[in-house]
PDB file of all heavy atoms in Angstrom:
ATOM      1  N   ASN A   1       0.802  -1.229   0.000  1.00  0.00           N
ATOM      2  CA  ASN A   1       0.000   0.000   0.000  1.00  0.00           C
ATOM      3  C   ASN A   1       0.833   1.277   0.000  1.00  0.00           C
ATOM      4  O   ASN A   1       0.278   2.365  -0.172  1.00  0.00           O
ATOM      5  CB  ASN A   1      -0.913   0.027   1.228  1.00  0.00           C
ATOM      6  CG  ASN A   1      -1.955  -1.059   1.202  1.00  0.00           C
ATOM      7  OD1 ASN A   1      -2.444  -1.445   0.141  1.00  0.00           O
ATOM      8  ND2 ASN A   1      -2.312  -1.576   2.376  1.00  0.00           N
ATOM      9  N   ASP A   2       2.141   1.151   0.231  1.00  0.00           N
ATOM     10  CA  ASP A   2       2.946   2.344   0.469  1.00  0.00           C
ATOM     11  C   ASP A   2       4.100   2.509  -0.519  1.00  0.00           C
ATOM     12  O   ASP A   2       5.111   3.119  -0.195  1.00  0.00           O
ATOM     13  CB  ASP A   2       3.491   2.333   1.894  1.00  0.00           C
ATOM     14  CG  ASP A   2       4.369   1.109   2.175  1.00  0.00           C
ATOM     15  OD1 ASP A   2       4.364   0.160   1.357  1.00  0.00           O
ATOM     16  OD2 ASP A   2       5.067   1.110   3.205  1.00  0.00           O
ATOM     17  N   VAL A   3       3.949   1.975  -1.729  1.00  0.00           N
ATOM     18  CA  VAL A   3       4.999   2.180  -2.738  1.00  0.00           C
ATOM     19  C   VAL A   3       5.112   3.666  -3.052  1.00  0.00           C
ATOM     20  O   VAL A   3       6.207   4.221  -3.162  1.00  0.00           O
ATOM     21  CB  VAL A   3       4.704   1.361  -4.012  1.00  0.00           C
ATOM     22  CG1 VAL A   3       5.722   1.689  -5.100  1.00  0.00           C
ATOM     23  CG2 VAL A   3       4.733  -0.131  -3.701  1.00  0.00           C
ATOM     24  N   ALA A   4       3.966   4.321  -3.190  1.00  0.00           N
ATOM     25  CA  ALA A   4       3.931   5.778  -3.367  1.00  0.00           C
ATOM     26  C   ALA A   4       3.416   6.398  -2.076  1.00  0.00           C
ATOM     27  O   ALA A   4       2.403   5.942  -1.528  1.00  0.00           O
ATOM     28  CB  ALA A   4       3.039   6.160  -4.534  1.00  0.00           C
ATOM     29  N   GLY A   5       4.101   7.405  -1.588  1.00  0.00           N
ATOM     30  CA  GLY A   5       3.702   8.029  -0.329  1.00  0.00           C
ATOM     31  C   GLY A   5       3.742   9.535  -0.388  1.00  0.00           C
ATOM     32  O   GLY A   5       4.611  10.119  -1.035  1.00  0.00           O
ATOM     33  N   VAL A   6       2.768  10.156   0.267  1.00  0.00           N
ATOM     34  CA  VAL A   6       2.734  11.613   0.406  1.00  0.00           C
ATOM     35  C   VAL A   6       2.588  11.923   1.892  1.00  0.00           C
ATOM     36  O   VAL A   6       1.684  11.396   2.548  1.00  0.00           O
ATOM     37  CB  VAL A   6       1.566  12.240  -0.385  1.00  0.00           C
ATOM     38  CG1 VAL A   6       1.510  13.750  -0.139  1.00  0.00           C
ATOM     39  CG2 VAL A   6       1.697  11.954  -1.877  1.00  0.00           C
ATOM     40  N   ARG A   7       3.490  12.732   2.407  1.00  0.00           N
ATOM     41  CA  ARG A   7       3.447  13.132   3.811  1.00  0.00           C
ATOM     42  C   ARG A   7       3.048  14.595   3.899  1.00  0.00           C
ATOM     43  O   ARG A   7       3.640  15.452   3.254  1.00  0.00           O
ATOM     44  CB  ARG A   7       4.796  12.934   4.486  1.00  0.00           C
ATOM     45  CG  ARG A   7       4.790  13.275   5.987  1.00  0.00           C
ATOM     46  CD  ARG A   7       6.187  13.143   6.567  1.00  0.00           C
ATOM     47  NE  ARG A   7       6.744  11.824   6.273  1.00  0.00           N
ATOM     48  CZ  ARG A   7       8.046  11.557   6.291  1.00  0.00           C
ATOM     49  NH1 ARG A   7       8.920  12.512   6.565  1.00  0.00           N
ATOM     50  NH2 ARG A   7       8.474  10.336   6.018  1.00  0.00           N
ATOM     51  N   VAL A   8       2.018  14.864   4.703  1.00  0.00           N
ATOM     52  CA  VAL A   8       1.524  16.224   4.890  1.00  0.00           C
ATOM     53  C   VAL A   8       1.747  16.608   6.350  1.00  0.00           C
ATOM     54  O   VAL A   8       1.289  15.911   7.259  1.00  0.00           O
ATOM     55  CB  VAL A   8       0.024  16.327   4.545  1.00  0.00           C
ATOM     56  CG1 VAL A   8      -0.431  17.775   4.609  1.00  0.00           C
ATOM     57  CG2 VAL A   8      -0.248  15.735   3.156  1.00  0.00           C
ATOM     58  N   VAL A   9       2.464  17.696   6.557  1.00  0.00           N
ATOM     59  CA  VAL A   9       2.768  18.138   7.922  1.00  0.00           C
ATOM     60  C   VAL A   9       1.952  19.396   8.223  1.00  0.00           C
ATOM     61  O   VAL A   9       2.029  20.393   7.493  1.00  0.00           O
ATOM     62  CB  VAL A   9       4.275  18.408   8.091  1.00  0.00           C
ATOM     63  CG1 VAL A   9       4.566  18.941   9.491  1.00  0.00           C
ATOM     64  CG2 VAL A   9       5.059  17.115   7.839  1.00  0.00           C
ATOM     65  N   CYS A  10       1.143  19.312   9.283  1.00  0.00           N
ATOM     66  CA  CYS A  10       0.226  20.381   9.664  1.00  0.00           C
ATOM     67  C   CYS A  10       0.729  21.126  10.897  1.00  0.00           C
ATOM     68  O   CYS A  10       1.625  20.654  11.603  1.00  0.00           O
ATOM     69  CB  CYS A  10      -1.157  19.801   9.948  1.00  0.00           C
ATOM     70  SG  CYS A  10      -1.935  19.011   8.530  1.00  0.00           S
ATOM     71  N   SER A  11       0.101  22.259  11.152  1.00  0.00           N
ATOM     72  CA  SER A  11       0.475  23.058  12.315  1.00  0.00           C
ATOM     73  C   SER A  11      -0.058  22.443  13.607  1.00  0.00           C
ATOM     74  O   SER A  11       0.671  22.331  14.595  1.00  0.00           O
ATOM     75  CB  SER A  11      -0.073  24.485  12.166  1.00  0.00           C
ATOM     76  OG  SER A  11       0.336  25.069  10.958  1.00  0.00           O
ATOM     77  N   PHE A  12      -1.322  22.029  13.598  1.00  0.00           N
ATOM     78  CA  PHE A  12      -1.973  21.569  14.820  1.00  0.00           C
ATOM     79  C   PHE A  12      -2.701  20.240  14.579  1.00  0.00           C
ATOM     80  O   PHE A  12      -3.077  19.920  13.449  1.00  0.00           O
ATOM     81  CB  PHE A  12      -2.976  22.619  15.317  1.00  0.00           C
ATOM     82  CG  PHE A  12      -2.363  23.980  15.502  1.00  0.00           C
ATOM     83  CD1 PHE A  12      -2.611  24.991  14.590  1.00  0.00           C
ATOM     84  CD2 PHE A  12      -1.521  24.247  16.577  1.00  0.00           C
ATOM     85  CE1 PHE A  12      -2.039  26.247  14.744  1.00  0.00           C
ATOM     86  CE2 PHE A  12      -0.942  25.492  16.745  1.00  0.00           C
ATOM     87  CZ  PHE A  12      -1.202  26.503  15.831  1.00  0.00           C
ATOM     88  N   THR A  13      -2.919  19.511  15.669  1.00  0.00           N
ATOM     89  CA  THR A  13      -3.599  18.224  15.568  1.00  0.00           C
ATOM     90  C   THR A  13      -4.982  18.379  14.953  1.00  0.00           C
ATOM     91  O   THR A  13      -5.410  17.532  14.147  1.00  0.00           O
ATOM     92  CB  THR A  13      -3.725  17.570  16.961  1.00  0.00           C
ATOM     93  OG1 THR A  13      -2.437  17.525  17.580  1.00  0.00           O
ATOM     94  CG2 THR A  13      -4.271  16.166  16.860  1.00  0.00           C
ATOM     95  N   SER A  14      -5.694  19.438  15.305  1.00  0.00           N
ATOM     96  CA  SER A  14      -7.039  19.649  14.757  1.00  0.00           C
ATOM     97  C   SER A  14      -6.999  19.791  13.241  1.00  0.00           C
ATOM     98  O   SER A  14      -7.942  19.380  12.549  1.00  0.00           O
ATOM     99  CB  SER A  14      -7.684  20.885  15.392  1.00  0.00           C
ATOM    100  OG  SER A  14      -6.868  22.033  15.178  1.00  0.00           O
ATOM    101  N   ASP A  15      -5.906  20.352  12.714  1.00  0.00           N
ATOM    102  CA  ASP A  15      -5.774  20.508  11.266  1.00  0.00           C
ATOM    103  C   ASP A  15      -5.712  19.154  10.564  1.00  0.00           C
ATOM    104  O   ASP A  15      -6.161  19.014   9.419  1.00  0.00           O
ATOM    105  CB  ASP A  15      -4.503  21.294  10.923  1.00  0.00           C
ATOM    106  CG  ASP A  15      -4.561  22.743  11.387  1.00  0.00           C
ATOM    107  OD1 ASP A  15      -5.670  23.283  11.472  1.00  0.00           O
ATOM    108  OD2 ASP A  15      -3.488  23.312  11.652  1.00  0.00           O
ATOM    109  N   ILE A  16      -5.132  18.171  11.227  1.00  0.00           N
ATOM    110  CA  ILE A  16      -5.000  16.836  10.634  1.00  0.00           C
ATOM    111  C   ILE A  16      -6.365  16.272  10.297  1.00  0.00           C
ATOM    112  O   ILE A  16      -6.600  15.780   9.183  1.00  0.00           O
ATOM    113  CB  ILE A  16      -4.245  15.889  11.601  1.00  0.00           C
ATOM    114  CG1 ILE A  16      -2.798  16.361  11.777  1.00  0.00           C
ATOM    115  CG2 ILE A  16      -4.319  14.446  11.112  1.00  0.00           C
ATOM    116  CD1 ILE A  16      -2.032  15.594  12.838  1.00  0.00           C
ATOM    117  N   TYR A  17      -7.292  16.370  11.241  1.00  0.00           N
ATOM    118  CA  TYR A  17      -8.620  15.791  11.031  1.00  0.00           C
ATOM    119  C   TYR A  17      -9.443  16.619  10.045  1.00  0.00           C
ATOM    120  O   TYR A  17     -10.237  16.052   9.271  1.00  0.00           O
ATOM    121  CB  TYR A  17      -9.328  15.634  12.373  1.00  0.00           C
ATOM    122  CG  TYR A  17      -8.658  14.603  13.246  1.00  0.00           C
ATOM    123  CD1 TYR A  17      -7.803  14.975  14.277  1.00  0.00           C
ATOM    124  CD2 TYR A  17      -8.842  13.240  13.010  1.00  0.00           C
ATOM    125  CE1 TYR A  17      -7.162  14.020  15.066  1.00  0.00           C
ATOM    126  CE2 TYR A  17      -8.213  12.280  13.788  1.00  0.00           C
ATOM    127  CZ  TYR A  17      -7.370  12.684  14.811  1.00  0.00           C
ATOM    128  OH  TYR A  17      -6.733  11.730  15.576  1.00  0.00           O
ATOM    129  N   LYS A  18      -9.249  17.931  10.039  1.00  0.00           N
ATOM    130  CA  LYS A  18      -9.927  18.772   9.042  1.00  0.00           C
ATOM    131  C   LYS A  18      -9.470  18.401   7.641  1.00  0.00           C
ATOM    132  O   LYS A  18     -10.280  18.239   6.720  1.00  0.00           O
ATOM    133  CB  LYS A  18      -9.612  20.255   9.297  1.00  0.00           C
ATOM    134  CG  LYS A  18     -10.271  20.854  10.528  1.00  0.00           C
ATOM    135  CD  LYS A  18      -9.806  22.284  10.734  1.00  0.00           C
ATOM    136  CE  LYS A  18     -10.297  22.857  12.052  1.00  0.00           C
ATOM    137  NZ  LYS A  18      -9.706  24.203  12.325  1.00  0.00           N
ATOM    138  N   LEU A  19      -8.161  18.249   7.486  1.00  0.00           N
ATOM    139  CA  LEU A  19      -7.605  17.920   6.174  1.00  0.00           C
ATOM    140  C   LEU A  19      -8.023  16.524   5.733  1.00  0.00           C
ATOM    141  O   LEU A  19      -8.390  16.309   4.570  1.00  0.00           O
ATOM    142  CB  LEU A  19      -6.081  18.035   6.209  1.00  0.00           C
ATOM    143  CG  LEU A  19      -5.352  17.798   4.888  1.00  0.00           C
ATOM    144  CD1 LEU A  19      -5.800  18.803   3.835  1.00  0.00           C
ATOM    145  CD2 LEU A  19      -3.841  17.868   5.091  1.00  0.00           C
ATOM    146  N   ALA A  20      -7.984  15.563   6.657  1.00  0.00           N
ATOM    147  CA  ALA A  20      -8.394  14.193   6.329  1.00  0.00           C
ATOM    148  C   ALA A  20      -9.847  14.159   5.866  1.00  0.00           C
ATOM    149  O   ALA A  20     -10.196  13.436   4.916  1.00  0.00           O
ATOM    150  CB  ALA A  20      -8.195  13.284   7.541  1.00  0.00           C
ATOM    151  N   ASP A  21     -10.703  14.945   6.512  1.00  0.00           N
ATOM    152  CA  ASP A  21     -12.109  15.016   6.121  1.00  0.00           C
ATOM    153  C   ASP A  21     -12.252  15.601   4.722  1.00  0.00           C
ATOM    154  O   ASP A  21     -13.035  15.106   3.901  1.00  0.00           O
ATOM    155  CB  ASP A  21     -12.882  15.856   7.136  1.00  0.00           C
ATOM    156  CG  ASP A  21     -14.375  15.912   6.835  1.00  0.00           C
ATOM    157  OD1 ASP A  21     -15.015  14.839   6.842  1.00  0.00           O
ATOM    158  OD2 ASP A  21     -14.894  17.009   6.587  1.00  0.00           O
ATOM    159  N   MET A  22     -11.475  16.651   4.416  1.00  0.00           N
ATOM    160  CA  MET A  22     -11.522  17.274   3.095  1.00  0.00           C
ATOM    161  C   MET A  22     -11.042  16.303   2.017  1.00  0.00           C
ATOM    162  O   MET A  22     -11.632  16.217   0.937  1.00  0.00           O
ATOM    163  CB  MET A  22     -10.658  18.536   3.092  1.00  0.00           C
ATOM    164  CG  MET A  22     -11.214  19.663   3.945  1.00  0.00           C
ATOM    165  SD  MET A  22      -9.992  20.989   4.246  1.00  0.00           S
ATOM    166  CE  MET A  22      -9.826  21.685   2.601  1.00  0.00           C
ATOM    167  N   ILE A  23      -9.988  15.558   2.321  1.00  0.00           N
ATOM    168  CA  ILE A  23      -9.457  14.581   1.359  1.00  0.00           C
ATOM    169  C   ILE A  23     -10.484  13.492   1.092  1.00  0.00           C
ATOM    170  O   ILE A  23     -10.704  13.085  -0.052  1.00  0.00           O
ATOM    171  CB  ILE A  23      -8.139  13.972   1.886  1.00  0.00           C
ATOM    172  CG1 ILE A  23      -7.033  15.035   1.893  1.00  0.00           C
ATOM    173  CG2 ILE A  23      -7.724  12.765   1.041  1.00  0.00           C
ATOM    174  CD1 ILE A  23      -5.781  14.605   2.624  1.00  0.00           C
ATOM    175  N   GLY A  24     -11.144  13.027   2.147  1.00  0.00           N
ATOM    176  CA  GLY A  24     -12.122  11.954   2.002  1.00  0.00           C
ATOM    177  C   GLY A  24     -13.327  12.331   1.171  1.00  0.00           C
ATOM    178  O   GLY A  24     -14.028  11.451   0.664  1.00  0.00           O
ATOM    179  N   LYS A  25     -13.584  13.625   1.004  1.00  0.00           N
ATOM    180  CA  LYS A  25     -14.740  14.084   0.235  1.00  0.00           C
ATOM    181  C   LYS A  25     -14.425  14.332  -1.236  1.00  0.00           C
ATOM    182  O   LYS A  25     -15.311  14.724  -1.992  1.00  0.00           O
ATOM    183  CB  LYS A  25     -15.290  15.371   0.869  1.00  0.00           C
ATOM    184  CG  LYS A  25     -15.939  15.144   2.229  1.00  0.00           C
ATOM    185  CD  LYS A  25     -16.409  16.448   2.856  1.00  0.00           C
ATOM    186  CE  LYS A  25     -17.077  16.191   4.205  1.00  0.00           C
ATOM    187  NZ  LYS A  25     -17.465  17.463   4.872  1.00  0.00           N
ATOM    188  N   GLN A  26     -13.185  14.094  -1.653  1.00  0.00           N
ATOM    189  CA  GLN A  26     -12.811  14.292  -3.053  1.00  0.00           C
ATOM    190  C   GLN A  26     -13.483  13.234  -3.930  1.00  0.00           C
ATOM    191  O   GLN A  26     -13.375  12.032  -3.660  1.00  0.00           O
ATOM    192  CB  GLN A  26     -11.295  14.214  -3.208  1.00  0.00           C
ATOM    193  CG  GLN A  26     -10.546  15.332  -2.493  1.00  0.00           C
ATOM    194  CD  GLN A  26     -10.824  16.693  -3.127  1.00  0.00           C
ATOM    195  OE1 GLN A  26     -10.414  16.967  -4.248  1.00  0.00           O
ATOM    196  NE2 GLN A  26     -11.522  17.545  -2.401  1.00  0.00           N
ATOM    197  N   ALA A  27     -14.140  13.679  -4.987  1.00  0.00           N
ATOM    198  CA  ALA A  27     -14.953  12.784  -5.812  1.00  0.00           C
ATOM    199  C   ALA A  27     -14.128  11.732  -6.543  1.00  0.00           C
ATOM    200  O   ALA A  27     -14.566  10.586  -6.701  1.00  0.00           O
ATOM    201  CB  ALA A  27     -15.771  13.598  -6.810  1.00  0.00           C
ATOM    202  N   ASP A  28     -12.955  12.105  -7.026  1.00  0.00           N
ATOM    203  CA  ASP A  28     -12.162  11.166  -7.830  1.00  0.00           C
ATOM    204  C   ASP A  28     -11.036  10.524  -7.019  1.00  0.00           C
ATOM    205  O   ASP A  28      -9.997  10.147  -7.561  1.00  0.00           O
ATOM    206  CB  ASP A  28     -11.591  11.858  -9.075  1.00  0.00           C
ATOM    207  CG  ASP A  28     -10.684  13.030  -8.717  1.00  0.00           C
ATOM    208  OD1 ASP A  28     -10.772  13.514  -7.568  1.00  0.00           O
ATOM    209  OD2 ASP A  28      -9.904  13.450  -9.586  1.00  0.00           O
ATOM    210  N   LEU A  29     -11.275  10.373  -5.736  1.00  0.00           N
ATOM    211  CA  LEU A  29     -10.310   9.739  -4.847  1.00  0.00           C
ATOM    212  C   LEU A  29     -11.084   8.830  -3.899  1.00  0.00           C
ATOM    213  O   LEU A  29     -12.111   9.225  -3.352  1.00  0.00           O
ATOM    214  CB  LEU A  29      -9.535  10.821  -4.093  1.00  0.00           C
ATOM    215  CG  LEU A  29      -8.444  10.433  -3.098  1.00  0.00           C
ATOM    216  CD1 LEU A  29      -7.426  11.569  -2.986  1.00  0.00           C
ATOM    217  CD2 LEU A  29      -9.031  10.149  -1.728  1.00  0.00           C
ATOM    218  N   THR A  30     -10.608   7.613  -3.727  1.00  0.00           N
ATOM    219  CA  THR A  30     -11.310   6.650  -2.863  1.00  0.00           C
ATOM    220  C   THR A  30     -10.443   6.290  -1.667  1.00  0.00           C
ATOM    221  O   THR A  30      -9.289   5.879  -1.834  1.00  0.00           O
ATOM    222  CB  THR A  30     -11.647   5.363  -3.641  1.00  0.00           C
ATOM    223  OG1 THR A  30     -12.440   5.705  -4.789  1.00  0.00           O
ATOM    224  CG2 THR A  30     -12.412   4.386  -2.763  1.00  0.00           C
ATOM    225  N   VAL A  31     -10.983   6.467  -0.475  1.00  0.00           N
ATOM    226  CA  VAL A  31     -10.275   6.069   0.749  1.00  0.00           C
ATOM    227  C   VAL A  31     -10.555   4.588   0.988  1.00  0.00           C
ATOM    228  O   VAL A  31     -11.703   4.182   1.143  1.00  0.00           O
ATOM    229  CB  VAL A  31     -10.739   6.899   1.965  1.00  0.00           C
ATOM    230  CG1 VAL A  31     -10.013   6.443   3.224  1.00  0.00           C
ATOM    231  CG2 VAL A  31     -10.508   8.388   1.714  1.00  0.00           C
ATOM    232  N   VAL A  32      -9.505   3.783   0.999  1.00  0.00           N
ATOM    233  CA  VAL A  32      -9.690   2.334   1.176  1.00  0.00           C
ATOM    234  C   VAL A  32      -9.296   1.864   2.579  1.00  0.00           C
ATOM    235  O   VAL A  32      -9.695   0.771   2.993  1.00  0.00           O
ATOM    236  CB  VAL A  32      -8.894   1.540   0.111  1.00  0.00           C
ATOM    237  CG1 VAL A  32      -9.431   1.848  -1.275  1.00  0.00           C
ATOM    238  CG2 VAL A  32      -7.403   1.824   0.179  1.00  0.00           C
ATOM    239  N   ALA A  33      -8.537   2.674   3.310  1.00  0.00           N
ATOM    240  CA  ALA A  33      -8.159   2.284   4.677  1.00  0.00           C
ATOM    241  C   ALA A  33      -7.696   3.506   5.453  1.00  0.00           C
ATOM    242  O   ALA A  33      -7.129   4.440   4.873  1.00  0.00           O
ATOM    243  CB  ALA A  33      -7.053   1.226   4.658  1.00  0.00           C
ATOM    244  N   ILE A  34      -7.962   3.496   6.749  1.00  0.00           N
ATOM    245  CA  ILE A  34      -7.507   4.560   7.650  1.00  0.00           C
ATOM    246  C   ILE A  34      -6.909   3.915   8.892  1.00  0.00           C
ATOM    247  O   ILE A  34      -7.477   2.968   9.444  1.00  0.00           O
ATOM    248  CB  ILE A  34      -8.671   5.486   8.061  1.00  0.00           C
ATOM    249  CG1 ILE A  34      -9.142   6.336   6.867  1.00  0.00           C
ATOM    250  CG2 ILE A  34      -8.262   6.397   9.227  1.00  0.00           C
ATOM    251  CD1 ILE A  34     -10.373   7.166   7.161  1.00  0.00           C
ATOM    252  N   LYS A  35      -5.761   4.426   9.317  1.00  0.00           N
ATOM    253  CA  LYS A  35      -5.164   4.012  10.581  1.00  0.00           C
ATOM    254  C   LYS A  35      -4.826   5.277  11.371  1.00  0.00           C
ATOM    255  O   LYS A  35      -3.982   6.058  10.951  1.00  0.00           O
ATOM    256  CB  LYS A  35      -3.913   3.162  10.348  1.00  0.00           C
ATOM    257  CG  LYS A  35      -4.205   1.785   9.764  1.00  0.00           C
ATOM    258  CD  LYS A  35      -2.951   0.943   9.642  1.00  0.00           C
ATOM    259  CE  LYS A  35      -3.257  -0.439   9.086  1.00  0.00           C
ATOM    260  NZ  LYS A  35      -2.029  -1.271   8.947  1.00  0.00           N
ATOM    261  N   ASP A  36      -5.512   5.443  12.485  1.00  0.00           N
ATOM    262  CA  ASP A  36      -5.309   6.631  13.313  1.00  0.00           C
ATOM    263  C   ASP A  36      -4.327   6.307  14.433  1.00  0.00           C
ATOM    264  O   ASP A  36      -4.727   5.833  15.507  1.00  0.00           O
ATOM    265  CB  ASP A  36      -6.649   7.099  13.882  1.00  0.00           C
ATOM    266  CG  ASP A  36      -6.546   8.457  14.552  1.00  0.00           C
ATOM    267  OD1 ASP A  36      -5.414   8.871  14.865  1.00  0.00           O
ATOM    268  OD2 ASP A  36      -7.584   9.094  14.773  1.00  0.00           O
ATOM    269  N   TYR A  37      -3.049   6.568  14.166  1.00  0.00           N
ATOM    270  CA  TYR A  37      -2.020   6.334  15.180  1.00  0.00           C
ATOM    271  C   TYR A  37      -1.864   7.526  16.125  1.00  0.00           C
ATOM    272  O   TYR A  37      -0.958   7.535  16.954  1.00  0.00           O
ATOM    273  CB  TYR A  37      -0.676   6.048  14.504  1.00  0.00           C
ATOM    274  CG  TYR A  37      -0.648   4.756  13.709  1.00  0.00           C
ATOM    275  CD1 TYR A  37      -0.440   4.766  12.330  1.00  0.00           C
ATOM    276  CD2 TYR A  37      -0.835   3.532  14.333  1.00  0.00           C
ATOM    277  CE1 TYR A  37      -0.417   3.594  11.599  1.00  0.00           C
ATOM    278  CE2 TYR A  37      -0.825   2.348  13.612  1.00  0.00           C
ATOM    279  CZ  TYR A  37      -0.604   2.392  12.245  1.00  0.00           C
ATOM    280  OH  TYR A  37      -0.587   1.219  11.521  1.00  0.00           O
ATOM    281  N   ILE A  38      -2.757   8.504  15.998  1.00  0.00           N
ATOM    282  CA  ILE A  38      -2.762   9.612  16.961  1.00  0.00           C
ATOM    283  C   ILE A  38      -3.612   9.220  18.168  1.00  0.00           C
ATOM    284  O   ILE A  38      -3.181   9.329  19.313  1.00  0.00           O
ATOM    285  CB  ILE A  38      -3.290  10.907  16.307  1.00  0.00           C
ATOM    286  CG1 ILE A  38      -2.386  11.316  15.139  1.00  0.00           C
ATOM    287  CG2 ILE A  38      -3.373  12.037  17.344  1.00  0.00           C
ATOM    288  CD1 ILE A  38      -2.929  12.450  14.299  1.00  0.00           C
ATOM    289  N   LYS A  39      -4.806   8.718  17.885  1.00  0.00           N
ATOM    290  CA  LYS A  39      -5.674   8.249  18.976  1.00  0.00           C
ATOM    291  C   LYS A  39      -5.191   6.921  19.535  1.00  0.00           C
ATOM    292  O   LYS A  39      -5.376   6.634  20.722  1.00  0.00           O
ATOM    293  CB  LYS A  39      -7.106   8.124  18.468  1.00  0.00           C
ATOM    294  CG  LYS A  39      -7.752   9.466  18.142  1.00  0.00           C
ATOM    295  CD  LYS A  39      -9.174   9.291  17.628  1.00  0.00           C
ATOM    296  CE  LYS A  39      -9.808  10.642  17.320  1.00  0.00           C
ATOM    297  NZ  LYS A  39     -11.165  10.491  16.736  1.00  0.00           N
ATOM    298  N   ARG A  40      -4.556   6.117  18.665  1.00  0.00           N
ATOM    299  CA  ARG A  40      -4.038   4.816  19.099  1.00  0.00           C
ATOM    300  C   ARG A  40      -2.594   4.672  18.623  1.00  0.00           C
ATOM    301  O   ARG A  40      -2.328   4.035  17.586  1.00  0.00           O
ATOM    302  CB  ARG A  40      -4.910   3.679  18.528  1.00  0.00           C
ATOM    303  CG  ARG A  40      -6.307   3.648  19.102  1.00  0.00           C
ATOM    304  CD  ARG A  40      -7.182   2.608  18.428  1.00  0.00           C
ATOM    305  NE  ARG A  40      -7.428   2.951  17.022  1.00  0.00           N
ATOM    306  CZ  ARG A  40      -8.362   3.806  16.612  1.00  0.00           C
ATOM    307  NH1 ARG A  40      -9.138   4.405  17.506  1.00  0.00           N
ATOM    308  NH2 ARG A  40      -8.523   4.058  15.336  1.00  0.00           N
ATOM    309  N   PRO A  41      -1.647   5.289  19.351  1.00  0.00           N
ATOM    310  CA  PRO A  41      -0.235   5.251  18.927  1.00  0.00           C
ATOM    311  C   PRO A  41       0.312   3.827  18.889  1.00  0.00           C
ATOM    312  O   PRO A  41      -0.176   2.934  19.586  1.00  0.00           O
ATOM    313  CB  PRO A  41       0.477   6.079  20.013  1.00  0.00           C
ATOM    314  CG  PRO A  41      -0.595   6.884  20.670  1.00  0.00           C
ATOM    315  CD  PRO A  41      -1.831   6.053  20.594  1.00  0.00           C
ATOM    316  N   LYS A  42       1.352   3.641  18.062  1.00  0.00           N
ATOM    317  CA  LYS A  42       2.056   2.356  18.061  1.00  0.00           C
ATOM    318  C   LYS A  42       2.786   2.184  19.389  1.00  0.00           C
ATOM    319  O   LYS A  42       3.004   3.155  20.127  1.00  0.00           O
ATOM    320  CB  LYS A  42       3.055   2.315  16.905  1.00  0.00           C
ATOM    321  CG  LYS A  42       2.419   2.248  15.529  1.00  0.00           C
ATOM    322  CD  LYS A  42       3.484   2.067  14.444  1.00  0.00           C
ATOM    323  CE  LYS A  42       2.864   1.970  13.067  1.00  0.00           C
ATOM    324  NZ  LYS A  42       3.884   1.756  12.008  1.00  0.00           N
ATOM    325  N   GLU A  43       3.166   0.963  19.676  1.00  0.00           N
ATOM    326  CA  GLU A  43       3.850   0.667  20.942  1.00  0.00           C
ATOM    327  C   GLU A  43       5.121   1.496  21.095  1.00  0.00           C
ATOM    328  O   GLU A  43       5.502   1.880  22.200  1.00  0.00           O
ATOM    329  CB  GLU A  43       4.181  -0.820  21.011  1.00  0.00           C
ATOM    330  CG  GLU A  43       4.766  -1.250  22.348  1.00  0.00           C
ATOM    331  CD  GLU A  43       5.039  -2.743  22.407  1.00  0.00           C
ATOM    332  OE1 GLU A  43       4.592  -3.472  21.510  1.00  0.00           O
ATOM    333  OE2 GLU A  43       5.710  -3.175  23.378  1.00  0.00           O
ATOM    334  N   SER A  44       5.775   1.814  19.994  1.00  0.00           N
ATOM    335  CA  SER A  44       7.012   2.597  20.026  1.00  0.00           C
ATOM    336  C   SER A  44       6.773   4.049  20.431  1.00  0.00           C
ATOM    337  O   SER A  44       7.694   4.756  20.829  1.00  0.00           O
ATOM    338  CB  SER A  44       7.680   2.577  18.652  1.00  0.00           C
ATOM    339  OG  SER A  44       6.870   3.234  17.688  1.00  0.00           O
ATOM    340  N   GLY A  45       5.505   4.498  20.322  1.00  0.00           N
ATOM    341  CA  GLY A  45       5.186   5.897  20.575  1.00  0.00           C
ATOM    342  C   GLY A  45       4.878   6.657  19.304  1.00  0.00           C
ATOM    343  O   GLY A  45       4.526   7.839  19.347  1.00  0.00           O
TER     344      GLY A  45
END
């Protein structure tokens, strides 16, 4: 799933969810999976 990757760095945590919501509403883009490691961090942190 990660051969091609785009990293977006935001100012605040609230911006992350606003942007994710905007991306999910794009007509010619399909969200197939979401992993929220902010609410549920990996064991490493």
